[in-house]
Protein backbone atom coordinates (compact mmCIF):
# COMPACT_ATOMS: atom_id res chain seq x y z
CA UNK A 1 -20.64 -4.66 -2.67
CA UNK A 2 -20.87 -1.26 -4.39
CA UNK A 3 -21.61 -0.57 -8.02
CA UNK A 4 -20.93 2.53 -10.10
CA UNK A 5 -23.93 3.83 -12.00
CA UNK A 6 -24.15 6.57 -14.62
CA UNK A 7 -27.40 8.56 -14.63
CA UNK A 8 -28.50 11.06 -17.26
CA UNK A 9 -32.15 11.92 -16.53
CA UNK A 10 -34.58 12.03 -13.65
CA UNK A 11 -32.05 10.49 -11.25
CA UNK A 12 -29.65 13.44 -11.58
CA UNK A 13 -29.28 16.04 -8.84
CA UNK A 14 -32.21 18.48 -8.72
CA UNK A 15 -34.45 16.12 -10.73
CA UNK A 16 -37.54 14.34 -9.42
CA UNK A 17 -36.11 10.86 -8.76
CA UNK A 18 -32.77 11.90 -7.29
CA UNK A 19 -33.99 10.96 -3.80
CA UNK A 20 -33.22 7.32 -4.70
CA UNK A 21 -29.53 8.33 -4.65
CA UNK A 22 -29.63 10.54 -1.54
CA UNK A 23 -27.37 8.17 0.45
CA UNK A 24 -25.11 7.27 -2.47
CA UNK A 25 -21.70 8.80 -3.08
CA UNK A 26 -21.51 11.26 -5.98
CA UNK A 27 -18.34 10.61 -8.02
CA UNK A 28 -18.56 13.44 -10.56
CA UNK A 29 -19.51 13.78 -14.20
CA UNK A 30 -18.69 11.30 -16.94
CA UNK A 31 -18.87 11.50 -20.72
CA UNK A 32 -19.81 8.27 -22.47
CA UNK A 33 -17.29 6.75 -24.84
CA UNK A 34 -20.23 4.94 -26.49
CA UNK A 35 -22.56 6.97 -28.73
CA UNK A 36 -26.34 7.02 -28.39
CA UNK A 37 -29.44 8.29 -30.11
CA UNK A 38 -31.51 10.42 -27.76
CA UNK A 39 -35.14 9.96 -26.85
CA UNK A 40 -37.48 12.08 -24.81
CA UNK A 41 -41.02 12.34 -23.59
CA UNK A 42 -41.59 13.49 -20.02
CA UNK A 43 -38.30 11.70 -19.25
CA UNK A 44 -35.27 10.74 -21.35
CA UNK A 45 -34.02 7.52 -22.88
CA UNK A 46 -31.00 6.51 -24.93
CA UNK A 47 -30.28 3.74 -27.42
CA UNK A 48 -26.70 2.72 -28.30
CA UNK A 49 -25.99 3.76 -31.89
CA UNK A 50 -22.69 4.16 -33.76
CA UNK A 51 -23.88 7.37 -35.46
CA UNK A 52 -25.21 8.93 -32.26
CA UNK A 53 -23.68 11.38 -29.81
CA UNK A 54 -21.86 11.07 -26.51
CA UNK A 55 -23.87 11.82 -23.37
CA UNK A 56 -22.89 13.52 -20.11
CA UNK A 57 -23.86 11.68 -16.94
CA UNK A 58 -23.51 11.90 -13.20
CA UNK A 59 -21.67 8.97 -11.64
CA UNK A 60 -22.59 7.45 -8.28
CA UNK A 61 -21.35 4.60 -6.12
CA UNK A 62 -24.46 2.70 -5.05
CA UNK A 63 -25.34 -0.31 -2.89
CA UNK A 64 -27.02 -3.46 -4.18
CA UNK A 65 -30.21 -2.38 -2.38
CA UNK A 66 -30.26 0.92 -4.30
CA UNK A 67 -29.56 -0.94 -7.56
CA UNK A 68 -32.61 -3.15 -6.94
CA UNK A 69 -34.74 -0.04 -6.27
CA UNK A 70 -33.48 1.60 -9.46
CA UNK A 71 -34.21 -1.56 -11.48
CA UNK A 72 -37.83 -1.42 -10.28
CA UNK A 73 -38.07 2.31 -11.04
CA UNK A 74 -36.63 1.85 -14.53
CA UNK A 75 -38.77 -1.19 -15.36
CA UNK A 76 -35.84 -3.55 -16.00
CA UNK A 77 -35.95 -5.57 -18.24
CA UNK A 78 -39.27 -4.53 -19.83
CA UNK A 79 -38.85 -0.78 -20.34
CA UNK A 80 -35.13 -0.21 -19.80
CA UNK A 81 -32.15 -2.53 -19.77
CA UNK A 82 -28.87 -1.93 -18.05
CA UNK A 83 -25.30 -2.73 -19.05
CA UNK A 84 -21.75 -1.54 -18.45
CA UNK A 85 -20.38 1.28 -20.57
CA UNK A 86 -17.18 3.32 -20.34
CA UNK A 87 -17.17 6.97 -19.25
CA UNK A 88 -14.39 9.52 -19.44
CA UNK A 89 -13.92 11.46 -16.19
CA UNK A 90 -11.43 13.94 -14.76
CA UNK A 91 -9.59 11.00 -13.18
CA UNK A 92 -9.61 8.58 -16.11
CA UNK A 93 -11.98 6.04 -17.61
CA UNK A 94 -14.69 4.46 -15.45
CA UNK A 95 -16.79 1.38 -16.20
CA UNK A 96 -20.35 2.06 -14.99
CA UNK A 97 -23.85 0.70 -15.38
CA UNK A 98 -26.25 2.72 -17.51
CA UNK A 99 -29.99 2.30 -18.16
CA UNK A 100 -30.82 2.30 -21.88
CA UNK A 101 -33.36 0.97 -24.33
CA UNK A 102 -32.58 -1.85 -26.74
CA UNK A 103 -34.18 -0.01 -29.65
CA UNK A 104 -36.12 3.13 -30.45
CA UNK A 105 -39.86 2.80 -29.86
CA UNK A 106 -43.04 4.85 -30.14
CA UNK A 107 -43.01 5.92 -26.48
CA UNK A 108 -40.37 8.58 -27.17
CA UNK A 109 -39.42 11.17 -29.76
CA UNK A 110 -35.98 10.13 -31.05
CA UNK A 111 -33.23 12.26 -32.49
CA UNK A 112 -29.70 12.05 -33.83
CA UNK A 113 -28.51 15.57 -33.04
CA UNK A 114 -25.66 17.18 -34.95
CA UNK A 115 -22.55 18.68 -33.46
CA UNK A 116 -19.31 17.82 -31.77
CA UNK A 117 -20.51 18.37 -28.22
CA UNK A 118 -21.85 15.65 -25.93
CA UNK A 119 -25.48 16.04 -24.84
CA UNK A 120 -26.92 16.64 -21.38
CA UNK A 121 -30.55 16.09 -20.27
CA UNK A 122 -32.31 19.18 -18.89
CA UNK A 123 -35.89 19.81 -17.85
CA UNK A 124 -36.33 21.22 -21.37
CA UNK A 125 -34.94 18.18 -23.18
CA UNK A 126 -31.51 17.21 -24.50
CA UNK A 127 -29.05 20.11 -24.94
CA UNK A 128 -25.42 20.29 -26.11
CA UNK A 129 -23.10 20.32 -23.10
CA UNK A 130 -20.35 22.86 -23.48
CA UNK A 131 -18.94 22.40 -20.01
CA UNK A 132 -15.44 23.75 -19.53
CA UNK A 133 -14.36 20.40 -18.07
CA UNK A 134 -14.97 18.54 -21.36
CA UNK A 135 -11.44 19.15 -22.64
CA UNK A 136 -9.97 18.23 -19.26
CA UNK A 137 -11.57 14.79 -19.16
CA UNK A 138 -8.85 12.14 -19.36
CA UNK A 139 -8.91 9.44 -22.00
CA UNK A 140 -6.66 7.05 -20.10
CA UNK A 141 -8.01 3.91 -18.46
CA UNK A 142 -8.26 3.81 -14.70
């Protein structure tokens, strides 16, 4: 059985933990329909929040074995939790797992950034994502 996962930090391509996904199928980018507040230290975190911002993720189809490895990496359920969220893609809406924190904590610096753009994690922290594909992302359910 395969699962779709949305990653926004160190699991993304060209980041230090991407090797966990080396044999997983990349499905493209997704923009969360849910809003989040953004946290960062040496790695990112998000907390669902109605006044937050949308985030841009990479979507992957992963095996149960990879999901178990990711759960260990992410410290589920002690550091991160995971749940299904909806993501807008070029092909429609996708339901995918996402690692998040239940609430803001002292391990991270938290922010509610302004602006209409979704945010994307970079090696230099969270940045507005002004990708040209944003307007082409479909809102319809798949």
